[in-house]
Amino acid sequence: MPPPKPGVIPLAPLKLGDILGGAFSTMGRYWKQLFGIGVAVYGGALVVVGAAALIAYSAVSDHLRRLISLSAEEDPSSTDLTPVLIALGAVWLVAMVSLMISTAMMYAAVPAVLQEAVLGRPTTFSVIWRRAWARVPALIGTVILTALIAMIPVVLAVIGFLALMIGAITLADGAGTAVWTSLGFLGALATAPVAAWLWVKFSLAPSAVVFEGQRPVAALRRSSQLVRGDWWRIFGISLLAFAMAAAANYIIQIPFSFLGMFSGVIGGATLDDDPNPASIVFAMSGYVVILLLGQLIGQLVSATFPQLVTGLLYVDRRMRTENLGPVLAGAAAVPPQYGP
């Protein structure tokens, strides 16, 4: 007797085809919720970054104009260079914060949608938004902790590599320098498997934050517990999902790149012999808008599909280790509760 399948996956241990098929089915059935939230958060982030860039440009436009007008023999003045660097740093900071919040929101929205997709229940944009937004602070903490933990071996390798380079340059001859440099490179390369192991070990933490309401540290422990004994399978399926998303993103970018180049050529033809920064920005605005649109669509795919696969891996591990299938089958017969 086949297992029950009220939603996008059978409520039994999943095969690769079940996981990939479930991810595609979820994107097809709940695309309004997934892509609607993606457009809202990433589009909002673009608007915020664009506004920050315009404010920064208006604040330092005179300094930027003087820097552009410098000849190759002239050195930039600190009175012009410092404000421009500060403005660029402020825009970069706004972009990083906006990207972090947008990514955390998508990390929360995907499991929230999967909760309904697995049970085959309908949902709405507002319900998913409320559920996801409530878990954003915990997800930001989880993502930061995971990144810091995964970066530890990389940072140690970089420090060791720099120490070896300094020692080789100051103490060894030419042949010794090559040997020490090779050792440092191999030491840095050896940390890549450690970073990958940590990444997979904690890859199910975002799903634990949303599905179980875990806090960041507890979510990392929960992910480690679920991954134990199935690391290679989770690594392979996750890597396949990221490769598929990257390929789709690349294919999506191709037509937008051609359209952007065409728009850039038309905009460049409108410039006079001595363009000012404002006219350059206006002429290239079409190129930038088209590329940003392509980036937004590609980002929606690359941010959604791998997380759907990861969320289904989380469900699969719980069905394999905790016999979650009968619980989900019973929950599928219960009408959804849209209260707080």
C-alpha atoms as a PDB file:
ATOM      1  CA  MET A   1       0.000   0.000   0.000  1.00  0.00           C
ATOM      2  CA  PRO A   2       1.579   3.332  -1.015  1.00  0.00           C
ATOM      3  CA  PRO A   3       2.075   5.971   1.692  1.00  0.00           C
ATOM      4  CA  PRO A   4      -0.450   8.834   1.872  1.00  0.00           C
ATOM      5  CA  LYS A   5       0.339  11.904  -0.196  1.00  0.00           C
ATOM      6  CA  PRO A   6      -1.923  14.790   0.807  1.00  0.00           C
ATOM      7  CA  GLY A   7       0.501  17.391  -0.521  1.00  0.00           C
ATOM      8  CA  VAL A   8       3.629  17.668  -2.614  1.00  0.00           C
ATOM      9  CA  ILE A   9       5.448  14.624  -1.154  1.00  0.00           C
ATOM     10  CA  PRO A  10       4.502  11.157   0.087  1.00  0.00           C
ATOM     11  CA  LEU A  11       4.515  10.976   3.884  1.00  0.00           C
ATOM     12  CA  ALA A  12       7.311   8.417   4.026  1.00  0.00           C
ATOM     13  CA  PRO A  13      11.115   8.489   3.728  1.00  0.00           C
ATOM     14  CA  LEU A  14      11.868  10.428   0.554  1.00  0.00           C
ATOM     15  CA  LYS A  15      13.949   9.509  -2.466  1.00  0.00           C
ATOM     16  CA  LEU A  16      15.843  12.041  -4.564  1.00  0.00           C
ATOM     17  CA  GLY A  17      13.010  12.206  -7.089  1.00  0.00           C
ATOM     18  CA  ASP A  18      10.485  12.833  -4.310  1.00  0.00           C
ATOM     19  CA  ILE A  19      12.562  15.726  -2.941  1.00  0.00           C
ATOM     20  CA  LEU A  20      13.193  17.410  -6.294  1.00  0.00           C
ATOM     21  CA  GLY A  21       9.628  16.776  -7.443  1.00  0.00           C
ATOM     22  CA  GLY A  22       8.279  18.145  -4.184  1.00  0.00           C
ATOM     23  CA  ALA A  23      10.383  21.306  -4.550  1.00  0.00           C
ATOM     24  CA  PHE A  24       9.153  21.879  -8.119  1.00  0.00           C
ATOM     25  CA  SER A  25       5.560  21.130  -7.122  1.00  0.00           C
ATOM     26  CA  THR A  26       5.743  23.601  -4.248  1.00  0.00           C
ATOM     27  CA  MET A  27       7.068  26.308  -6.567  1.00  0.00           C
ATOM     28  CA  GLY A  28       4.241  25.552  -8.996  1.00  0.00           C
ATOM     29  CA  ARG A  29       1.402  25.468  -6.467  1.00  0.00           C
ATOM     30  CA  TYR A  30       2.545  28.244  -4.144  1.00  0.00           C
ATOM     31  CA  TRP A  31       4.387  30.526  -6.550  1.00  0.00           C
ATOM     32  CA  LYS A  32       2.250  33.513  -5.592  1.00  0.00           C
ATOM     33  CA  GLN A  33       3.275  33.269  -1.953  1.00  0.00           C
ATOM     34  CA  LEU A  34       6.936  32.413  -2.604  1.00  0.00           C
ATOM     35  CA  PHE A  35       7.664  34.836  -5.417  1.00  0.00           C
ATOM     36  CA  GLY A  36       5.353  37.486  -3.971  1.00  0.00           C
ATOM     37  CA  ILE A  37       7.373  37.588  -0.758  1.00  0.00           C
ATOM     38  CA  GLY A  38      10.595  37.409  -2.772  1.00  0.00           C
ATOM     39  CA  VAL A  39       9.616  40.377  -4.923  1.00  0.00           C
ATOM     40  CA  ALA A  40       8.509  42.306  -1.849  1.00  0.00           C
ATOM     41  CA  VAL A  41      11.685  41.763   0.181  1.00  0.00           C
ATOM     42  CA  TYR A  42      14.295  41.887  -2.595  1.00  0.00           C
ATOM     43  CA  GLY A  43      12.476  44.646  -4.443  1.00  0.00           C
ATOM     44  CA  GLY A  44      12.217  46.576  -1.199  1.00  0.00           C
ATOM     45  CA  ALA A  45      15.923  46.016  -0.595  1.00  0.00           C
ATOM     46  CA  LEU A  46      16.734  47.363  -4.073  1.00  0.00           C
ATOM     47  CA  VAL A  47      14.603  50.433  -3.416  1.00  0.00           C
ATOM     48  CA  VAL A  48      16.330  51.051  -0.085  1.00  0.00           C
ATOM     49  CA  VAL A  49      19.803  50.615  -1.585  1.00  0.00           C
ATOM     50  CA  GLY A  50      18.882  52.791  -4.561  1.00  0.00           C
ATOM     51  CA  ALA A  51      17.598  55.534  -2.274  1.00  0.00           C
ATOM     52  CA  ALA A  52      20.787  55.301  -0.201  1.00  0.00           C
ATOM     53  CA  ALA A  53      22.880  55.545  -3.387  1.00  0.00           C
ATOM     54  CA  LEU A  54      20.956  58.624  -4.566  1.00  0.00           C
ATOM     55  CA  ILE A  55      21.331  60.311  -1.181  1.00  0.00           C
ATOM     56  CA  ALA A  56      25.034  59.499  -1.131  1.00  0.00           C
ATOM     57  CA  TYR A  57      25.487  60.799  -4.673  1.00  0.00           C
ATOM     58  CA  SER A  58      23.700  64.056  -3.923  1.00  0.00           C
ATOM     59  CA  ALA A  59      25.906  64.507  -0.861  1.00  0.00           C
ATOM     60  CA  VAL A  60      29.237  63.961  -2.625  1.00  0.00           C
ATOM     61  CA  SER A  61      28.460  64.833  -6.249  1.00  0.00           C
ATOM     62  CA  ASP A  62      30.817  67.831  -6.251  1.00  0.00           C
ATOM     63  CA  HIS A  63      33.675  65.769  -4.829  1.00  0.00           C
ATOM     64  CA  LEU A  64      32.964  62.959  -7.298  1.00  0.00           C
ATOM     65  CA  ARG A  65      32.911  65.377 -10.225  1.00  0.00           C
ATOM     66  CA  ARG A  66      36.324  66.755  -9.259  1.00  0.00           C
ATOM     67  CA  LEU A  67      37.754  63.231  -8.901  1.00  0.00           C
ATOM     68  CA  ILE A  68      36.468  62.242 -12.350  1.00  0.00           C
ATOM     69  CA  SER A  69      37.948  65.367 -13.931  1.00  0.00           C
ATOM     70  CA  LEU A  70      41.452  64.615 -12.615  1.00  0.00           C
ATOM     71  CA  SER A  71      44.089  63.762 -15.190  1.00  0.00           C
ATOM     72  CA  ALA A  72      46.355  60.738 -14.929  1.00  0.00           C
ATOM     73  CA  GLU A  73      49.222  62.849 -13.523  1.00  0.00           C
ATOM     74  CA  GLU A  74      47.176  64.445 -10.726  1.00  0.00           C
ATOM     75  CA  ASP A  75      46.705  62.824  -7.331  1.00  0.00           C
ATOM     76  CA  PRO A  76      43.251  62.942  -5.715  1.00  0.00           C
ATOM     77  CA  SER A  77      42.885  65.270  -2.775  1.00  0.00           C
ATOM     78  CA  SER A  78      41.899  63.799   0.580  1.00  0.00           C
ATOM     79  CA  THR A  79      39.208  66.446   0.904  1.00  0.00           C
ATOM     80  CA  ASP A  80      37.516  64.944  -2.163  1.00  0.00           C
ATOM     81  CA  LEU A  81      38.453  61.297  -1.706  1.00  0.00           C
ATOM     82  CA  THR A  82      37.434  60.879   1.954  1.00  0.00           C
ATOM     83  CA  PRO A  83      33.754  61.927   1.563  1.00  0.00           C
ATOM     84  CA  VAL A  84      33.379  59.685  -1.502  1.00  0.00           C
ATOM     85  CA  LEU A  85      34.834  56.683   0.356  1.00  0.00           C
ATOM     86  CA  ILE A  86      32.584  57.355   3.359  1.00  0.00           C
ATOM     87  CA  ALA A  87      29.546  57.564   1.090  1.00  0.00           C
ATOM     88  CA  LEU A  88      30.477  54.299  -0.637  1.00  0.00           C
ATOM     89  CA  GLY A  89      30.952  52.644   2.749  1.00  0.00           C
ATOM     90  CA  ALA A  90      27.549  53.840   3.943  1.00  0.00           C
ATOM     91  CA  VAL A  91      25.844  52.527   0.801  1.00  0.00           C
ATOM     92  CA  TRP A  92      27.662  49.192   1.194  1.00  0.00           C
ATOM     93  CA  LEU A  93      26.516  48.935   4.823  1.00  0.00           C
ATOM     94  CA  VAL A  94      22.899  49.666   3.884  1.00  0.00           C
ATOM     95  CA  ALA A  95      23.130  47.055   1.118  1.00  0.00           C
ATOM     96  CA  MET A  96      24.520  44.396   3.470  1.00  0.00           C
ATOM     97  CA  VAL A  97      21.840  44.991   6.113  1.00  0.00           C
ATOM     98  CA  SER A  98      19.073  44.989   3.490  1.00  0.00           C
ATOM     99  CA  LEU A  99      20.408  41.796   1.929  1.00  0.00           C
ATOM    100  CA  MET A 100      20.639  40.098   5.336  1.00  0.00           C
ATOM    101  CA  ILE A 101      17.045  40.938   6.248  1.00  0.00           C
ATOM    102  CA  SER A 102      15.769  39.933   2.783  1.00  0.00           C
ATOM    103  CA  THR A 103      17.629  36.626   2.854  1.00  0.00           C
ATOM    104  CA  ALA A 104      16.403  35.846   6.378  1.00  0.00           C
ATOM    105  CA  MET A 105      12.848  36.606   5.291  1.00  0.00           C
ATOM    106  CA  MET A 106      13.126  34.159   2.379  1.00  0.00           C
ATOM    107  CA  TYR A 107      14.746  31.553   4.643  1.00  0.00           C
ATOM    108  CA  ALA A 108      11.685  31.887   6.893  1.00  0.00           C
ATOM    109  CA  ALA A 109       9.071  32.060   4.133  1.00  0.00           C
ATOM    110  CA  VAL A 110      10.135  28.851   2.370  1.00  0.00           C
ATOM    111  CA  PRO A 111       9.647  26.535   5.406  1.00  0.00           C
ATOM    112  CA  ALA A 112       6.418  28.372   6.247  1.00  0.00           C
ATOM    113  CA  VAL A 113       5.111  27.541   2.776  1.00  0.00           C
ATOM    114  CA  LEU A 114       6.402  23.974   3.038  1.00  0.00           C
ATOM    115  CA  GLN A 115       4.408  23.468   6.231  1.00  0.00           C
ATOM    116  CA  GLU A 116       1.250  23.847   4.171  1.00  0.00           C
ATOM    117  CA  ALA A 117       2.588  22.273   0.966  1.00  0.00           C
ATOM    118  CA  VAL A 118       3.483  19.000   2.686  1.00  0.00           C
ATOM    119  CA  LEU A 119      -0.042  18.773   4.099  1.00  0.00           C
ATOM    120  CA  GLY A 120      -1.670  19.905   0.853  1.00  0.00           C
ATOM    121  CA  ARG A 121      -3.410  22.876   2.431  1.00  0.00           C
ATOM    122  CA  PRO A 122      -4.001  26.260   0.797  1.00  0.00           C
ATOM    123  CA  THR A 123      -2.539  29.385   2.300  1.00  0.00           C
ATOM    124  CA  THR A 124      -2.310  33.107   1.599  1.00  0.00           C
ATOM    125  CA  PHE A 125       0.392  35.692   1.184  1.00  0.00           C
ATOM    126  CA  SER A 126      -0.526  37.486   4.411  1.00  0.00           C
ATOM    127  CA  VAL A 127      -0.434  34.286   6.488  1.00  0.00           C
ATOM    128  CA  ILE A 128       3.006  33.329   5.176  1.00  0.00           C
ATOM    129  CA  TRP A 129       4.270  36.877   5.645  1.00  0.00           C
ATOM    130  CA  ARG A 130       3.210  36.977   9.296  1.00  0.00           C
ATOM    131  CA  ARG A 131       4.688  33.569  10.058  1.00  0.00           C
ATOM    132  CA  ALA A 132       7.948  34.351   8.302  1.00  0.00           C
ATOM    133  CA  TRP A 133       8.373  37.839   9.744  1.00  0.00           C
ATOM    134  CA  ALA A 134       7.914  36.502  13.277  1.00  0.00           C
ATOM    135  CA  ARG A 135      10.933  34.193  12.780  1.00  0.00           C
ATOM    136  CA  VAL A 136      13.257  36.675  11.030  1.00  0.00           C
ATOM    137  CA  PRO A 137      15.198  37.737  14.187  1.00  0.00           C
ATOM    138  CA  ALA A 138      15.903  34.116  15.139  1.00  0.00           C
ATOM    139  CA  LEU A 139      16.891  33.306  11.558  1.00  0.00           C
ATOM    140  CA  ILE A 140      19.289  36.253  11.354  1.00  0.00           C
ATOM    141  CA  GLY A 141      20.974  34.967  14.508  1.00  0.00           C
ATOM    142  CA  THR A 142      21.077  31.430  13.093  1.00  0.00           C
ATOM    143  CA  VAL A 143      22.568  32.505   9.776  1.00  0.00           C
ATOM    144  CA  ILE A 144      25.196  34.688  11.479  1.00  0.00           C
ATOM    145  CA  LEU A 145      26.175  31.914  13.908  1.00  0.00           C
ATOM    146  CA  THR A 146      26.418  29.375  11.087  1.00  0.00           C
ATOM    147  CA  ALA A 147      28.572  31.721   8.988  1.00  0.00           C
ATOM    148  CA  LEU A 148      30.872  32.491  11.921  1.00  0.00           C
ATOM    149  CA  ILE A 149      31.309  28.813  12.795  1.00  0.00           C
ATOM    150  CA  ALA A 150      31.988  27.848   9.175  1.00  0.00           C
ATOM    151  CA  MET A 151      34.490  30.719   8.833  1.00  0.00           C
ATOM    152  CA  ILE A 152      36.610  29.663  11.821  1.00  0.00           C
ATOM    153  CA  PRO A 153      38.739  27.092   9.937  1.00  0.00           C
ATOM    154  CA  VAL A 154      39.053  29.441   6.965  1.00  0.00           C
ATOM    155  CA  VAL A 155      40.272  32.316   9.169  1.00  0.00           C
ATOM    156  CA  LEU A 156      42.750  30.023  10.934  1.00  0.00           C
ATOM    157  CA  ALA A 157      44.026  28.829   7.568  1.00  0.00           C
ATOM    158  CA  VAL A 158      44.479  32.400   6.314  1.00  0.00           C
ATOM    159  CA  ILE A 159      46.364  33.353   9.480  1.00  0.00           C
ATOM    160  CA  GLY A 160      48.583  30.285   9.161  1.00  0.00           C
ATOM    161  CA  PHE A 161      49.177  30.993   5.479  1.00  0.00           C
ATOM    162  CA  LEU A 162      50.185  34.600   6.179  1.00  0.00           C
ATOM    163  CA  ALA A 163      52.484  33.474   8.988  1.00  0.00           C
ATOM    164  CA  LEU A 164      54.151  30.948   6.705  1.00  0.00           C
ATOM    165  CA  MET A 165      54.553  33.575   3.978  1.00  0.00           C
ATOM    166  CA  ILE A 166      56.123  36.076   6.368  1.00  0.00           C
ATOM    167  CA  GLY A 167      58.451  33.430   7.782  1.00  0.00           C
ATOM    168  CA  ALA A 168      59.408  32.223   4.313  1.00  0.00           C
ATOM    169  CA  ILE A 169      60.163  35.728   3.064  1.00  0.00           C
ATOM    170  CA  THR A 170      62.176  36.795   6.100  1.00  0.00           C
ATOM    171  CA  LEU A 171      64.029  33.563   6.929  1.00  0.00           C
ATOM    172  CA  ALA A 172      64.316  31.355   3.861  1.00  0.00           C
ATOM    173  CA  ASP A 173      66.013  31.574   0.502  1.00  0.00           C
ATOM    174  CA  GLY A 174      64.220  31.394  -2.862  1.00  0.00           C
ATOM    175  CA  ALA A 175      63.771  27.626  -2.884  1.00  0.00           C
ATOM    176  CA  GLY A 176      62.624  27.598   0.726  1.00  0.00           C
ATOM    177  CA  THR A 177      60.094  30.312  -0.025  1.00  0.00           C
ATOM    178  CA  ALA A 178      58.479  28.130  -2.674  1.00  0.00           C
ATOM    179  CA  VAL A 179      58.289  25.183  -0.278  1.00  0.00           C
ATOM    180  CA  TRP A 180      56.770  27.208   2.552  1.00  0.00           C
ATOM    181  CA  THR A 181      54.332  28.883   0.174  1.00  0.00           C
ATOM    182  CA  SER A 182      53.202  25.487  -1.113  1.00  0.00           C
ATOM    183  CA  LEU A 183      52.744  24.224   2.435  1.00  0.00           C
ATOM    184  CA  GLY A 184      50.693  27.258   3.337  1.00  0.00           C
ATOM    185  CA  PHE A 185      48.526  26.855   0.241  1.00  0.00           C
ATOM    186  CA  LEU A 186      47.934  23.178   0.993  1.00  0.00           C
ATOM    187  CA  GLY A 187      47.081  24.026   4.602  1.00  0.00           C
ATOM    188  CA  ALA A 188      44.542  26.609   3.454  1.00  0.00           C
ATOM    189  CA  LEU A 189      43.102  24.138   0.950  1.00  0.00           C
ATOM    190  CA  ALA A 190      42.758  21.481   3.639  1.00  0.00           C
ATOM    191  CA  THR A 191      40.284  23.624   5.575  1.00  0.00           C
ATOM    192  CA  ALA A 192      37.740  23.581   2.734  1.00  0.00           C
ATOM    193  CA  PRO A 193      36.405  20.129   3.721  1.00  0.00           C
ATOM    194  CA  VAL A 194      36.052  21.290   7.336  1.00  0.00           C
ATOM    195  CA  ALA A 195      34.060  24.346   6.266  1.00  0.00           C
ATOM    196  CA  ALA A 196      31.864  22.162   4.008  1.00  0.00           C
ATOM    197  CA  TRP A 197      31.299  19.688   6.842  1.00  0.00           C
ATOM    198  CA  LEU A 198      30.194  22.479   9.170  1.00  0.00           C
ATOM    199  CA  TRP A 199      27.951  24.008   6.503  1.00  0.00           C
ATOM    200  CA  VAL A 200      26.085  20.722   5.950  1.00  0.00           C
ATOM    201  CA  LYS A 201      26.021  19.963   9.685  1.00  0.00           C
ATOM    202  CA  PHE A 202      24.055  23.158  10.337  1.00  0.00           C
ATOM    203  CA  SER A 203      22.176  23.402   7.016  1.00  0.00           C
ATOM    204  CA  LEU A 204      18.851  22.267   8.520  1.00  0.00           C
ATOM    205  CA  ALA A 205      18.916  24.924  11.257  1.00  0.00           C
ATOM    206  CA  PRO A 206      16.725  27.484   9.373  1.00  0.00           C
ATOM    207  CA  SER A 207      14.026  24.833   8.918  1.00  0.00           C
ATOM    208  CA  ALA A 208      14.203  23.983  12.625  1.00  0.00           C
ATOM    209  CA  VAL A 209      13.771  27.676  13.469  1.00  0.00           C
ATOM    210  CA  VAL A 210      10.509  27.882  11.489  1.00  0.00           C
ATOM    211  CA  PHE A 211       9.055  24.381  11.852  1.00  0.00           C
ATOM    212  CA  GLU A 212       9.826  24.000  15.558  1.00  0.00           C
ATOM    213  CA  GLY A 213      10.179  27.615  16.727  1.00  0.00           C
ATOM    214  CA  GLN A 214      13.755  26.986  17.872  1.00  0.00           C
ATOM    215  CA  ARG A 215      16.154  29.704  18.955  1.00  0.00           C
ATOM    216  CA  PRO A 216      19.480  30.051  17.066  1.00  0.00           C
ATOM    217  CA  VAL A 217      21.714  27.906  19.297  1.00  0.00           C
ATOM    218  CA  ALA A 218      19.019  25.257  19.794  1.00  0.00           C
ATOM    219  CA  ALA A 219      18.405  25.214  16.018  1.00  0.00           C
ATOM    220  CA  LEU A 220      22.094  24.518  15.378  1.00  0.00           C
ATOM    221  CA  ARG A 221      21.999  21.629  17.837  1.00  0.00           C
ATOM    222  CA  ARG A 222      18.801  20.315  16.259  1.00  0.00           C
ATOM    223  CA  SER A 223      20.320  20.447  12.763  1.00  0.00           C
ATOM    224  CA  SER A 224      23.420  18.623  13.956  1.00  0.00           C
ATOM    225  CA  GLN A 225      21.232  15.927  15.482  1.00  0.00           C
ATOM    226  CA  LEU A 226      19.176  15.426  12.306  1.00  0.00           C
ATOM    227  CA  VAL A 227      22.179  15.427   9.955  1.00  0.00           C
ATOM    228  CA  ARG A 228      24.051  12.819  12.014  1.00  0.00           C
ATOM    229  CA  GLY A 229      24.395   9.578  10.058  1.00  0.00           C
ATOM    230  CA  ASP A 230      23.257  11.039   6.713  1.00  0.00           C
ATOM    231  CA  TRP A 231      25.845  13.757   6.033  1.00  0.00           C
ATOM    232  CA  TRP A 232      26.905  12.595   2.573  1.00  0.00           C
ATOM    233  CA  ARG A 233      23.363  12.230   1.272  1.00  0.00           C
ATOM    234  CA  ILE A 234      22.374  15.695   2.507  1.00  0.00           C
ATOM    235  CA  PHE A 235      25.589  17.153   1.077  1.00  0.00           C
ATOM    236  CA  GLY A 236      25.035  15.591  -2.345  1.00  0.00           C
ATOM    237  CA  ILE A 237      21.374  16.572  -2.655  1.00  0.00           C
ATOM    238  CA  SER A 238      22.041  20.111  -1.378  1.00  0.00           C
ATOM    239  CA  LEU A 239      24.953  20.542  -3.794  1.00  0.00           C
ATOM    240  CA  LEU A 240      22.757  19.324  -6.665  1.00  0.00           C
ATOM    241  CA  ALA A 241      20.028  21.812  -5.689  1.00  0.00           C
ATOM    242  CA  PHE A 242      22.481  24.723  -5.615  1.00  0.00           C
ATOM    243  CA  ALA A 243      23.935  23.665  -8.976  1.00  0.00           C
ATOM    244  CA  MET A 244      20.460  23.489 -10.539  1.00  0.00           C
ATOM    245  CA  ALA A 245      19.566  26.914  -9.114  1.00  0.00           C
ATOM    246  CA  ALA A 246      22.847  28.409 -10.355  1.00  0.00           C
ATOM    247  CA  ALA A 247      22.276  27.012 -13.848  1.00  0.00           C
ATOM    248  CA  ALA A 248      18.727  28.393 -13.905  1.00  0.00           C
ATOM    249  CA  ASN A 249      20.000  31.762 -12.674  1.00  0.00           C
ATOM    250  CA  TYR A 250      22.623  31.852 -15.435  1.00  0.00           C
ATOM    251  CA  ILE A 251      20.072  31.002 -18.117  1.00  0.00           C
ATOM    252  CA  ILE A 252      17.732  33.702 -16.809  1.00  0.00           C
ATOM    253  CA  GLN A 253      20.515  36.313 -16.937  1.00  0.00           C
ATOM    254  CA  ILE A 254      21.344  35.742 -20.618  1.00  0.00           C
ATOM    255  CA  PRO A 255      18.366  37.553 -22.240  1.00  0.00           C
ATOM    256  CA  PHE A 256      18.534  40.380 -19.709  1.00  0.00           C
ATOM    257  CA  SER A 257      22.259  40.834 -20.424  1.00  0.00           C
ATOM    258  CA  PHE A 258      21.581  41.194 -24.155  1.00  0.00           C
ATOM    259  CA  LEU A 259      18.729  43.632 -23.536  1.00  0.00           C
ATOM    260  CA  GLY A 260      20.913  45.593 -21.123  1.00  0.00           C
ATOM    261  CA  MET A 261      23.769  45.835 -23.629  1.00  0.00           C
ATOM    262  CA  PHE A 262      21.353  47.062 -26.302  1.00  0.00           C
ATOM    263  CA  SER A 263      19.949  49.666 -23.920  1.00  0.00           C
ATOM    264  CA  GLY A 264      23.464  50.728 -22.902  1.00  0.00           C
ATOM    265  CA  VAL A 265      24.486  51.255 -26.543  1.00  0.00           C
ATOM    266  CA  ILE A 266      21.426  53.431 -27.148  1.00  0.00           C
ATOM    267  CA  GLY A 267      22.090  55.404 -23.962  1.00  0.00           C
ATOM    268  CA  GLY A 268      25.776  55.864 -24.828  1.00  0.00           C
ATOM    269  CA  ALA A 269      24.858  57.291 -28.233  1.00  0.00           C
ATOM    270  CA  THR A 270      22.976  60.130 -26.534  1.00  0.00           C
ATOM    271  CA  LEU A 271      26.056  61.374 -24.643  1.00  0.00           C
ATOM    272  CA  ASP A 272      27.891  64.449 -25.886  1.00  0.00           C
ATOM    273  CA  ASP A 273      31.671  64.852 -26.182  1.00  0.00           C
ATOM    274  CA  ASP A 274      32.081  66.123 -22.612  1.00  0.00           C
ATOM    275  CA  PRO A 275      29.556  64.262 -20.472  1.00  0.00           C
ATOM    276  CA  ASN A 276      28.998  65.099 -16.830  1.00  0.00           C
ATOM    277  CA  PRO A 277      28.284  62.446 -14.145  1.00  0.00           C
ATOM    278  CA  ALA A 278      24.544  63.150 -14.154  1.00  0.00           C
ATOM    279  CA  SER A 279      24.241  62.575 -17.915  1.00  0.00           C
ATOM    280  CA  ILE A 280      26.293  59.364 -17.658  1.00  0.00           C
ATOM    281  CA  VAL A 281      24.013  58.049 -14.903  1.00  0.00           C
ATOM    282  CA  PHE A 282      20.905  58.931 -16.924  1.00  0.00           C
ATOM    283  CA  ALA A 283      22.253  57.331 -20.097  1.00  0.00           C
ATOM    284  CA  MET A 284      23.131  54.100 -18.317  1.00  0.00           C
ATOM    285  CA  SER A 285      19.952  53.943 -16.227  1.00  0.00           C
ATOM    286  CA  GLY A 286      18.162  51.641 -18.697  1.00  0.00           C
ATOM    287  CA  TYR A 287      21.102  49.227 -18.691  1.00  0.00           C
ATOM    288  CA  VAL A 288      21.194  49.195 -14.889  1.00  0.00           C
ATOM    289  CA  VAL A 289      17.419  48.719 -14.514  1.00  0.00           C
ATOM    290  CA  ILE A 290      17.341  45.778 -16.946  1.00  0.00           C
ATOM    291  CA  LEU A 291      20.283  44.082 -15.248  1.00  0.00           C
ATOM    292  CA  LEU A 292      18.737  44.620 -11.817  1.00  0.00           C
ATOM    293  CA  LEU A 293      15.467  43.098 -13.041  1.00  0.00           C
ATOM    294  CA  GLY A 294      17.321  40.048 -14.292  1.00  0.00           C
ATOM    295  CA  GLN A 295      19.228  39.824 -11.013  1.00  0.00           C
ATOM    296  CA  LEU A 296      15.960  40.012  -9.082  1.00  0.00           C
ATOM    297  CA  ILE A 297      14.330  37.187 -11.037  1.00  0.00           C
ATOM    298  CA  GLY A 298      17.453  35.060 -10.824  1.00  0.00           C
ATOM    299  CA  GLN A 299      17.757  35.758  -7.113  1.00  0.00           C
ATOM    300  CA  LEU A 300      14.179  34.597  -6.563  1.00  0.00           C
ATOM    301  CA  VAL A 301      15.007  31.231  -8.121  1.00  0.00           C
ATOM    302  CA  SER A 302      18.405  30.820  -6.448  1.00  0.00           C
ATOM    303  CA  ALA A 303      17.001  31.804  -3.054  1.00  0.00           C
ATOM    304  CA  THR A 304      13.882  29.639  -3.282  1.00  0.00           C
ATOM    305  CA  PHE A 305      14.696  26.292  -4.865  1.00  0.00           C
ATOM    306  CA  PRO A 306      17.695  25.259  -2.694  1.00  0.00           C
ATOM    307  CA  GLN A 307      15.803  26.223   0.458  1.00  0.00           C
ATOM    308  CA  LEU A 308      12.816  24.152  -0.644  1.00  0.00           C
ATOM    309  CA  VAL A 309      15.119  21.169  -1.091  1.00  0.00           C
ATOM    310  CA  THR A 310      16.725  21.799   2.298  1.00  0.00           C
ATOM    311  CA  GLY A 311      13.309  22.056   3.941  1.00  0.00           C
ATOM    312  CA  LEU A 312      12.228  18.762   2.393  1.00  0.00           C
ATOM    313  CA  LEU A 313      15.482  17.168   3.583  1.00  0.00           C
ATOM    314  CA  TYR A 314      14.562  18.334   7.080  1.00  0.00           C
ATOM    315  CA  VAL A 315      11.116  16.705   6.756  1.00  0.00           C
ATOM    316  CA  ASP A 316      12.707  13.553   5.334  1.00  0.00           C
ATOM    317  CA  ARG A 317      15.163  13.253   8.225  1.00  0.00           C
ATOM    318  CA  ARG A 318      12.371  13.619  10.761  1.00  0.00           C
ATOM    319  CA  MET A 319      10.286  10.992   8.976  1.00  0.00           C
ATOM    320  CA  ARG A 320      13.271   8.637   8.945  1.00  0.00           C
ATOM    321  CA  THR A 321      14.404   9.174  12.545  1.00  0.00           C
ATOM    322  CA  GLU A 322      11.272  10.276  14.395  1.00  0.00           C
ATOM    323  CA  ASN A 323       8.448   8.577  12.464  1.00  0.00           C
ATOM    324  CA  LEU A 324       6.929  11.925  11.560  1.00  0.00           C
ATOM    325  CA  GLY A 325       4.868  10.486   8.676  1.00  0.00           C
ATOM    326  CA  PRO A 326       1.842   9.316  10.741  1.00  0.00           C
ATOM    327  CA  VAL A 327       1.806  12.642  12.601  1.00  0.00           C
ATOM    328  CA  LEU A 328       1.722  14.552   9.318  1.00  0.00           C
ATOM    329  CA  ALA A 329      -0.948  12.240   7.935  1.00  0.00           C
ATOM    330  CA  GLY A 330      -3.109  13.005  10.965  1.00  0.00           C
ATOM    331  CA  ALA A 331      -2.411  16.734  10.684  1.00  0.00           C
ATOM    332  CA  ALA A 332      -3.380  16.711   7.002  1.00  0.00           C
ATOM    333  CA  ALA A 333      -6.965  15.967   8.010  1.00  0.00           C
ATOM    334  CA  VAL A 334      -7.041  18.945  10.395  1.00  0.00           C
ATOM    335  CA  PRO A 335      -8.135  22.280   8.903  1.00  0.00           C
ATOM    336  CA  PRO A 336      -5.442  24.983   9.043  1.00  0.00           C
ATOM    337  CA  GLN A 337      -5.460  27.365  11.994  1.00  0.00           C
ATOM    338  CA  TYR A 338      -4.809  30.949  10.954  1.00  0.00           C
ATOM    339  CA  GLY A 339      -4.797  32.404  14.451  1.00  0.00           C
ATOM    340  CA  PRO A 340      -1.736  33.724  16.257  1.00  0.00           C
END
